[in-house]
Amino acid sequence: MHTQRFLVNRWNTETGARVRDKVLAGLKNSVEVRAILDPYVLDHEDNKEPYGYPIYPPDAMVESEFWVLTHDDLRGIKFYNEDMSNTPSFEKKTLNYASFYNCNLAGSNLEMTDLSYTRFEKCNLTSTVFSASGGFCTQITDCVAINACFWHSGFRECDFSGTDFRGAYFESVLIENLKVNYRTQFDLDPSRQWESRTMPADQLPDFLRSIRLAYERAELWSHVDKYVYREKTAQRKHILWPYLKLQRSAPEFFIWAGSLTSGLLSGYATKPVRVLLWGMLLALGFSGLYLWLGTPGTHESIWAAYLESVYLSLTTFATLGFGDVAYSADKPWLRLLSTAEALVGAI
């Protein structure tokens, strides 16, 4: 906690404010920030880097002083209402605990940046590059991130509430325990092209599953249904079908056929209207067979016979079995057909 507090408070010192202004000017003019931070890099005998992670020397953390641990250390810096669009100078920077409020970062390069506990609020992130970036507890809220690139990025326990990610590129992205709300927007058909890169089709189901789980945690069930359908459809097309063509085995065929049937009949249990329509069509189809084979009763008019066939079919399909229709022994096909319809209706 002492380290975290110092990282934030150091920018509030007189020297820190002056360095921040220099960094901001460098970002706006696409100047390499490392050259600006060079005079302020901490020179301390305890500043080691075991396994790539530096040790923070507590005796150097004086509230009235300013230092950065490395040439890329922008941890805790804050920007408000600034235009830093199209800058390449954020690349490979450490932005832990940094805050960006109402800033324009459109077209900027934040490739390979550490974004743990970083906050972007009401920012323009259109076409911003976050390749190989990410972290824990990152907040990207109420932002516009249309056509942004998140190639090989990773976010855990992050908050994307209210942000528009339409057209964003998510190849090989890792998203876990994501927080969203009803204003968060993702594409139902994620973008698979970014410059010369193309997202492999077999990554679509995993990405759609991550978004679906986020909407489940937010209890936004209408969004959940949409992404369940897209996830299962992508899984059938891009995983089950190629695997079936490769294996050419009966078990794989039945798995693929079951997925296809579930998608057609019920939209993977997300489209109840489709279930109702298929049920009505099957019931009417069976009623025609009953009429053709002969209804249990005897009727002078074809209309009365058809109505009884429809009644028999609907009650059988719904597995109600009112018992007011008696089957004669000379019509075994009628019994077999009604049994088959009852089984279909039960399924």
Protein backbone atom coordinates (compact mmCIF):
# COMPACT_ATOMS: atom_id res chain seq x y z
CA MET A 1 0.00 0.00 0.00
CA HIS A 2 2.88 2.38 0.75
CA THR A 3 4.29 1.72 -2.71
CA GLN A 4 0.92 2.25 -4.39
CA ARG A 5 0.29 5.51 -2.51
CA PHE A 6 3.72 6.85 -3.39
CA LEU A 7 3.33 5.97 -7.08
CA VAL A 8 0.21 8.13 -7.24
CA ASN A 9 1.27 10.95 -4.93
CA ARG A 10 4.67 11.54 -6.56
CA TRP A 11 2.92 13.29 -9.48
CA ASN A 12 1.43 15.80 -7.02
CA THR A 13 4.83 17.14 -6.01
CA GLU A 14 6.29 20.23 -7.66
CA THR A 15 8.80 18.15 -9.58
CA GLY A 16 6.15 15.57 -10.46
CA ALA A 17 3.83 18.21 -11.91
CA ARG A 18 6.67 19.59 -14.02
CA VAL A 19 7.59 16.10 -15.29
CA ARG A 20 3.94 15.39 -16.06
CA ASP A 21 3.74 18.51 -18.23
CA LYS A 22 6.90 17.44 -20.05
CA VAL A 23 5.50 13.95 -20.59
CA LEU A 24 2.22 15.38 -21.87
CA ALA A 25 4.02 17.64 -24.33
CA GLY A 26 6.09 14.69 -25.47
CA LEU A 27 3.01 12.53 -26.00
CA LYS A 28 1.29 15.23 -28.03
CA ASN A 29 4.39 15.71 -30.19
CA SER A 30 5.17 11.99 -30.52
CA VAL A 31 8.44 12.38 -28.60
CA GLU A 32 9.86 9.24 -26.98
CA VAL A 33 8.89 9.49 -23.31
CA ARG A 34 11.94 7.53 -22.18
CA ALA A 35 14.18 10.45 -23.08
CA ILE A 36 12.05 12.73 -20.91
CA LEU A 37 12.12 10.38 -17.91
CA ASP A 38 15.82 9.58 -18.13
CA PRO A 39 17.00 12.25 -15.62
CA TYR A 40 14.46 11.05 -13.05
CA VAL A 41 15.20 7.31 -13.07
CA LEU A 42 15.94 6.14 -9.54
CA ASP A 43 19.55 5.13 -8.92
CA HIS A 44 19.41 2.92 -5.85
CA GLU A 45 21.56 -0.01 -4.85
CA ASP A 46 18.51 -2.08 -3.82
CA ASN A 47 16.77 -1.60 -7.14
CA LYS A 48 17.21 -5.14 -8.47
CA GLU A 49 15.15 -6.95 -11.08
CA PRO A 50 14.77 -10.61 -10.05
CA TYR A 51 12.67 -12.48 -12.60
CA GLY A 52 11.99 -9.21 -14.38
CA TYR A 53 10.18 -7.56 -11.45
CA PRO A 54 11.99 -4.68 -9.72
CA ILE A 55 12.22 -4.32 -5.97
CA TYR A 56 10.82 -1.06 -4.61
CA PRO A 57 13.29 0.39 -2.07
CA PRO A 58 11.08 1.75 0.76
CA ASP A 59 13.71 4.18 2.03
CA ALA A 60 13.60 6.02 -1.31
CA MET A 61 9.85 6.65 -1.14
CA VAL A 62 9.79 10.14 0.26
CA GLU A 63 6.48 11.93 -0.25
CA SER A 64 8.16 15.20 -1.23
CA GLU A 65 10.41 13.61 -3.85
CA PHE A 66 9.86 12.37 -7.36
CA TRP A 67 11.44 9.43 -9.13
CA VAL A 68 10.58 6.77 -11.67
CA LEU A 69 11.75 3.22 -11.38
CA THR A 70 12.47 2.70 -15.07
CA HIS A 71 12.56 4.75 -18.26
CA ASP A 72 9.00 3.55 -19.04
CA ASP A 73 7.48 4.24 -15.62
CA LEU A 74 4.25 6.27 -15.90
CA ARG A 75 2.46 4.55 -13.03
CA GLY A 76 -0.12 6.71 -11.30
CA ILE A 77 -0.05 9.54 -13.84
CA LYS A 78 -3.34 11.34 -14.48
CA PHE A 79 -4.63 13.11 -17.59
CA TYR A 80 -7.89 15.07 -17.87
CA ASN A 81 -9.48 16.46 -21.05
CA GLU A 82 -6.30 16.07 -23.10
CA ASP A 83 -5.90 15.36 -26.82
CA MET A 84 -3.22 12.68 -27.25
CA SER A 85 -4.50 11.19 -30.49
CA ASN A 86 -2.27 9.32 -32.93
CA THR A 87 0.73 9.24 -30.60
CA PRO A 88 3.14 6.28 -30.70
CA SER A 89 4.81 7.25 -27.43
CA PHE A 90 2.71 5.07 -25.08
CA GLU A 91 4.23 1.87 -26.45
CA LYS A 92 5.79 -0.42 -23.79
CA LYS A 93 4.96 1.97 -20.96
CA THR A 94 3.92 0.97 -17.47
CA LEU A 95 0.58 2.66 -16.81
CA ASN A 96 -0.48 0.92 -13.59
CA TYR A 97 -2.87 3.09 -11.54
CA ALA A 98 -2.91 5.75 -14.28
CA SER A 99 -6.13 7.65 -15.02
CA PHE A 100 -7.42 9.05 -18.30
CA TYR A 101 -10.63 11.09 -18.11
CA ASN A 102 -12.33 12.50 -21.21
CA CYS A 103 -9.12 12.15 -23.21
CA ASN A 104 -8.76 11.65 -26.95
CA LEU A 105 -6.50 8.66 -27.61
CA ALA A 106 -7.90 7.84 -31.05
CA GLY A 107 -5.35 6.11 -33.24
CA SER A 108 -2.71 6.02 -30.50
CA ASN A 109 -0.39 3.08 -29.94
CA LEU A 110 -0.63 1.49 -26.48
CA GLU A 111 1.05 -1.72 -27.60
CA MET A 112 2.65 -3.84 -24.85
CA THR A 113 1.56 -1.49 -22.06
CA ASP A 114 0.83 -2.65 -18.52
CA LEU A 115 -2.70 -1.54 -17.69
CA SER A 116 -3.31 -3.10 -14.28
CA TYR A 117 -5.61 -0.82 -12.25
CA THR A 118 -5.57 1.73 -15.07
CA ARG A 119 -8.75 3.74 -15.62
CA PHE A 120 -10.07 5.06 -18.94
CA GLU A 121 -13.31 6.97 -18.48
CA LYS A 122 -15.27 8.75 -21.23
CA CYS A 123 -12.29 8.52 -23.56
CA ASN A 124 -12.14 8.30 -27.34
CA LEU A 125 -10.28 5.06 -28.07
CA THR A 126 -11.33 4.75 -31.70
CA SER A 127 -8.76 2.68 -33.64
CA THR A 128 -6.45 2.65 -30.61
CA VAL A 129 -3.98 -0.25 -30.55
CA PHE A 130 -3.84 -2.31 -27.34
CA SER A 131 -1.91 -5.23 -28.83
CA ALA A 132 -0.19 -7.46 -26.24
CA SER A 133 -1.43 -5.13 -23.48
CA GLY A 134 -3.74 -5.60 -20.53
CA GLY A 135 -3.69 -6.40 -16.85
CA PHE A 136 -5.84 -6.84 -13.76
CA CYS A 137 -8.74 -4.62 -12.74
CA THR A 138 -8.47 -2.33 -15.77
CA GLN A 139 -11.43 0.03 -16.19
CA ILE A 140 -12.53 1.07 -19.68
CA THR A 141 -15.88 2.67 -18.93
CA ASP A 142 -18.19 4.88 -20.99
CA CYS A 143 -15.61 5.02 -23.77
CA VAL A 144 -15.77 4.69 -27.55
CA ALA A 145 -13.41 1.91 -28.65
CA ILE A 146 -14.76 1.36 -32.16
CA ASN A 147 -12.27 -0.45 -34.43
CA ALA A 148 -9.71 -0.72 -31.61
CA CYS A 149 -7.20 -3.57 -31.75
CA PHE A 150 -6.83 -5.94 -28.78
CA TRP A 151 -4.66 -8.57 -30.48
CA HIS A 152 -3.01 -10.87 -27.92
CA SER A 153 -4.23 -8.70 -25.03
CA GLY A 154 -5.44 -10.00 -21.69
CA PHE A 155 -7.88 -8.61 -19.14
CA ARG A 156 -8.87 -10.16 -15.80
CA GLU A 157 -11.40 -8.76 -13.33
CA CYS A 158 -11.85 -5.73 -15.60
CA ASP A 159 -14.75 -3.30 -16.04
CA PHE A 160 -15.92 -2.50 -19.59
CA SER A 161 -19.24 -0.95 -18.57
CA GLY A 162 -20.82 1.41 -21.08
CA THR A 163 -18.07 1.12 -23.71
CA ASP A 164 -18.68 0.65 -27.43
CA PHE A 165 -16.43 -2.09 -28.86
CA ARG A 166 -18.12 -2.44 -32.24
CA GLY A 167 -15.65 -3.28 -34.96
CA ALA A 168 -12.87 -4.01 -32.44
CA TYR A 169 -10.40 -6.80 -33.19
CA PHE A 170 -10.03 -9.50 -30.51
CA GLU A 171 -7.73 -12.15 -31.94
CA SER A 172 -6.10 -14.34 -29.23
CA VAL A 173 -7.54 -12.14 -26.49
CA LEU A 174 -7.99 -13.44 -22.93
CA ILE A 175 -10.99 -12.11 -21.03
CA GLU A 176 -11.90 -13.42 -17.57
CA ASN A 177 -14.50 -12.20 -15.06
CA LEU A 178 -15.40 -9.20 -17.18
CA LYS A 179 -17.91 -6.64 -15.92
CA VAL A 180 -20.35 -5.10 -18.42
CA ASN A 181 -23.70 -3.34 -18.35
CA TYR A 182 -26.61 -2.81 -20.72
CA ARG A 183 -24.76 -0.03 -22.58
CA THR A 184 -21.68 -2.13 -23.33
CA GLN A 185 -21.67 -3.02 -27.03
CA PHE A 186 -19.87 -5.86 -28.80
CA ASP A 187 -20.45 -7.15 -32.31
CA LEU A 188 -22.55 -10.30 -32.62
CA ASP A 189 -20.29 -11.08 -35.57
CA PRO A 190 -16.84 -10.01 -34.29
CA SER A 191 -14.47 -8.35 -36.72
CA ARG A 192 -12.00 -10.88 -38.08
CA GLN A 193 -9.81 -8.45 -40.02
CA TRP A 194 -7.32 -5.86 -38.80
CA GLU A 195 -4.79 -4.54 -41.28
CA SER A 196 -2.99 -7.66 -42.54
CA ARG A 197 -4.16 -9.93 -39.71
CA THR A 198 -7.08 -12.36 -39.79
CA MET A 199 -8.61 -13.96 -36.72
CA PRO A 200 -8.69 -17.78 -36.98
CA ALA A 201 -12.29 -18.94 -37.17
CA ASP A 202 -11.87 -21.47 -34.36
CA GLN A 203 -11.22 -18.61 -31.89
CA LEU A 204 -14.72 -17.18 -32.35
CA PRO A 205 -16.56 -19.59 -29.99
CA ASP A 206 -14.16 -18.91 -27.10
CA PHE A 207 -14.38 -15.14 -27.51
CA LEU A 208 -18.18 -15.22 -27.79
CA ARG A 209 -18.31 -17.42 -24.67
CA SER A 210 -16.31 -14.81 -22.73
CA ILE A 211 -18.77 -12.09 -23.69
CA ARG A 212 -21.74 -14.33 -22.96
CA LEU A 213 -20.43 -15.11 -19.46
CA ALA A 214 -19.95 -11.38 -18.82
CA TYR A 215 -23.58 -10.69 -19.73
CA GLU A 216 -24.67 -13.63 -17.55
CA ARG A 217 -22.94 -12.10 -14.53
CA ALA A 218 -24.68 -8.82 -15.32
CA GLU A 219 -28.01 -10.73 -15.61
CA LEU A 220 -28.72 -9.20 -19.02
CA TRP A 221 -30.60 -12.24 -20.29
CA SER A 222 -31.64 -10.85 -23.67
CA HIS A 223 -27.96 -10.31 -24.50
CA VAL A 224 -27.12 -13.75 -23.11
CA ASP A 225 -29.55 -15.46 -25.50
CA LYS A 226 -28.05 -13.67 -28.49
CA TYR A 227 -24.52 -14.70 -27.61
CA VAL A 228 -25.50 -18.28 -26.73
CA TYR A 229 -26.92 -18.66 -30.23
CA ARG A 230 -23.86 -17.07 -31.86
CA GLU A 231 -21.45 -19.10 -29.74
CA LYS A 232 -23.12 -22.43 -30.50
CA THR A 233 -23.46 -21.60 -34.19
CA ALA A 234 -19.78 -20.65 -34.43
CA GLN A 235 -18.85 -23.81 -32.55
CA ARG A 236 -20.83 -25.96 -34.99
CA LYS A 237 -19.43 -24.25 -38.10
CA HIS A 238 -15.82 -23.71 -37.12
CA ILE A 239 -15.06 -26.55 -34.69
CA LEU A 240 -17.52 -29.45 -34.99
CA TRP A 241 -17.80 -29.43 -38.78
CA PRO A 242 -14.02 -29.26 -39.52
CA TYR A 243 -13.43 -31.94 -36.89
CA LEU A 244 -16.11 -34.14 -38.48
CA LYS A 245 -14.47 -33.77 -41.90
CA LEU A 246 -11.15 -34.73 -40.33
CA GLN A 247 -12.32 -37.72 -38.28
CA ARG A 248 -15.19 -38.99 -40.47
CA SER A 249 -16.61 -41.02 -37.57
CA ALA A 250 -20.17 -41.78 -36.50
CA PRO A 251 -19.85 -40.24 -33.00
CA GLU A 252 -18.60 -36.94 -34.42
CA PHE A 253 -21.41 -36.96 -36.98
CA PHE A 254 -24.06 -37.39 -34.29
CA ILE A 255 -22.53 -34.58 -32.23
CA TRP A 256 -22.57 -32.25 -35.24
CA ALA A 257 -26.06 -33.37 -36.31
CA GLY A 258 -27.38 -32.86 -32.78
CA SER A 259 -25.99 -29.33 -32.73
CA LEU A 260 -27.49 -28.59 -36.14
CA THR A 261 -30.89 -29.98 -35.11
CA SER A 262 -30.91 -28.01 -31.87
CA GLY A 263 -30.01 -24.84 -33.75
CA LEU A 264 -32.71 -25.31 -36.37
CA LEU A 265 -35.50 -26.38 -34.03
CA SER A 266 -34.96 -24.15 -31.01
CA GLY A 267 -32.07 -21.79 -31.69
CA TYR A 268 -30.18 -23.67 -28.96
CA ALA A 269 -33.06 -23.12 -26.53
CA THR A 270 -32.94 -19.33 -27.02
CA LYS A 271 -35.84 -18.95 -29.46
CA PRO A 272 -39.11 -20.20 -27.88
CA VAL A 273 -41.18 -18.88 -30.78
CA ARG A 274 -39.26 -21.16 -33.12
CA VAL A 275 -40.01 -24.12 -30.82
CA LEU A 276 -43.70 -23.24 -30.86
CA LEU A 277 -43.80 -22.93 -34.65
CA TRP A 278 -42.01 -26.25 -35.19
CA GLY A 279 -44.37 -27.87 -32.69
CA MET A 280 -47.43 -26.56 -34.50
CA LEU A 281 -46.08 -27.67 -37.89
CA LEU A 282 -45.35 -31.18 -36.59
CA ALA A 283 -48.77 -31.42 -34.97
CA LEU A 284 -50.50 -30.33 -38.18
CA GLY A 285 -48.36 -32.75 -40.18
CA PHE A 286 -49.34 -35.65 -37.94
CA SER A 287 -53.00 -34.62 -38.16
CA GLY A 288 -52.79 -35.05 -41.93
CA LEU A 289 -51.39 -38.57 -41.44
CA TYR A 290 -54.17 -39.39 -39.00
CA LEU A 291 -56.75 -38.23 -41.52
CA TRP A 292 -55.10 -40.31 -44.24
CA LEU A 293 -54.89 -43.47 -42.11
CA GLY A 294 -58.36 -42.98 -40.69
CA THR A 295 -59.44 -41.39 -37.44
CA PRO A 296 -60.73 -43.57 -34.58
CA GLY A 297 -64.28 -42.30 -35.02
CA THR A 298 -66.59 -42.47 -38.01
CA HIS A 299 -67.64 -39.21 -39.57
CA GLU A 300 -69.82 -38.44 -42.52
CA SER A 301 -67.99 -35.23 -43.46
CA ILE A 302 -64.32 -34.81 -44.19
CA TRP A 303 -64.32 -31.59 -42.17
CA ALA A 304 -65.44 -33.35 -38.98
CA ALA A 305 -62.84 -36.08 -39.55
CA TYR A 306 -60.10 -33.48 -40.01
CA LEU A 307 -61.07 -31.61 -36.83
CA GLU A 308 -60.88 -34.85 -34.88
CA SER A 309 -57.48 -35.54 -36.43
CA VAL A 310 -56.23 -32.11 -35.37
CA TYR A 311 -57.61 -32.62 -31.86
CA LEU A 312 -55.98 -36.05 -31.62
CA SER A 313 -52.66 -34.71 -32.90
CA LEU A 314 -52.52 -31.71 -30.56
CA THR A 315 -53.41 -33.68 -27.44
CA THR A 316 -50.95 -36.42 -28.37
CA PHE A 317 -48.12 -34.00 -29.19
CA ALA A 318 -48.66 -32.19 -25.90
CA THR A 319 -48.71 -35.63 -24.20
CA LEU A 320 -52.04 -34.76 -22.58
CA GLY A 321 -53.90 -37.96 -23.53
CA PHE A 322 -57.40 -36.93 -22.54
CA GLY A 323 -58.64 -40.49 -23.06
CA ASP A 324 -61.77 -39.57 -24.99
CA VAL A 325 -60.36 -41.02 -28.22
CA ALA A 326 -60.50 -44.82 -28.48
CA TYR A 327 -58.25 -46.71 -30.90
CA SER A 328 -59.74 -49.67 -32.74
CA ALA A 329 -57.73 -52.87 -33.07
CA ASP A 330 -57.96 -52.76 -36.84
CA LYS A 331 -55.88 -49.59 -37.01
CA PRO A 332 -52.47 -50.51 -35.53
CA TRP A 333 -50.69 -47.88 -37.61
CA LEU A 334 -52.72 -45.20 -35.86
CA ARG A 335 -51.51 -46.42 -32.48
CA LEU A 336 -47.90 -46.55 -33.65
CA LEU A 337 -48.11 -43.08 -35.16
CA SER A 338 -49.65 -41.51 -32.07
CA THR A 339 -47.00 -43.14 -29.89
CA ALA A 340 -44.26 -41.71 -32.10
CA GLU A 341 -45.82 -38.24 -31.96
CA ALA A 342 -46.09 -38.40 -28.17
CA LEU A 343 -42.38 -39.24 -27.96
CA VAL A 344 -41.49 -36.33 -30.25
CA GLY A 345 -43.67 -33.99 -28.21
CA ALA A 346 -42.09 -35.14 -24.95
CA ILE A 347 -38.61 -34.50 -26.34
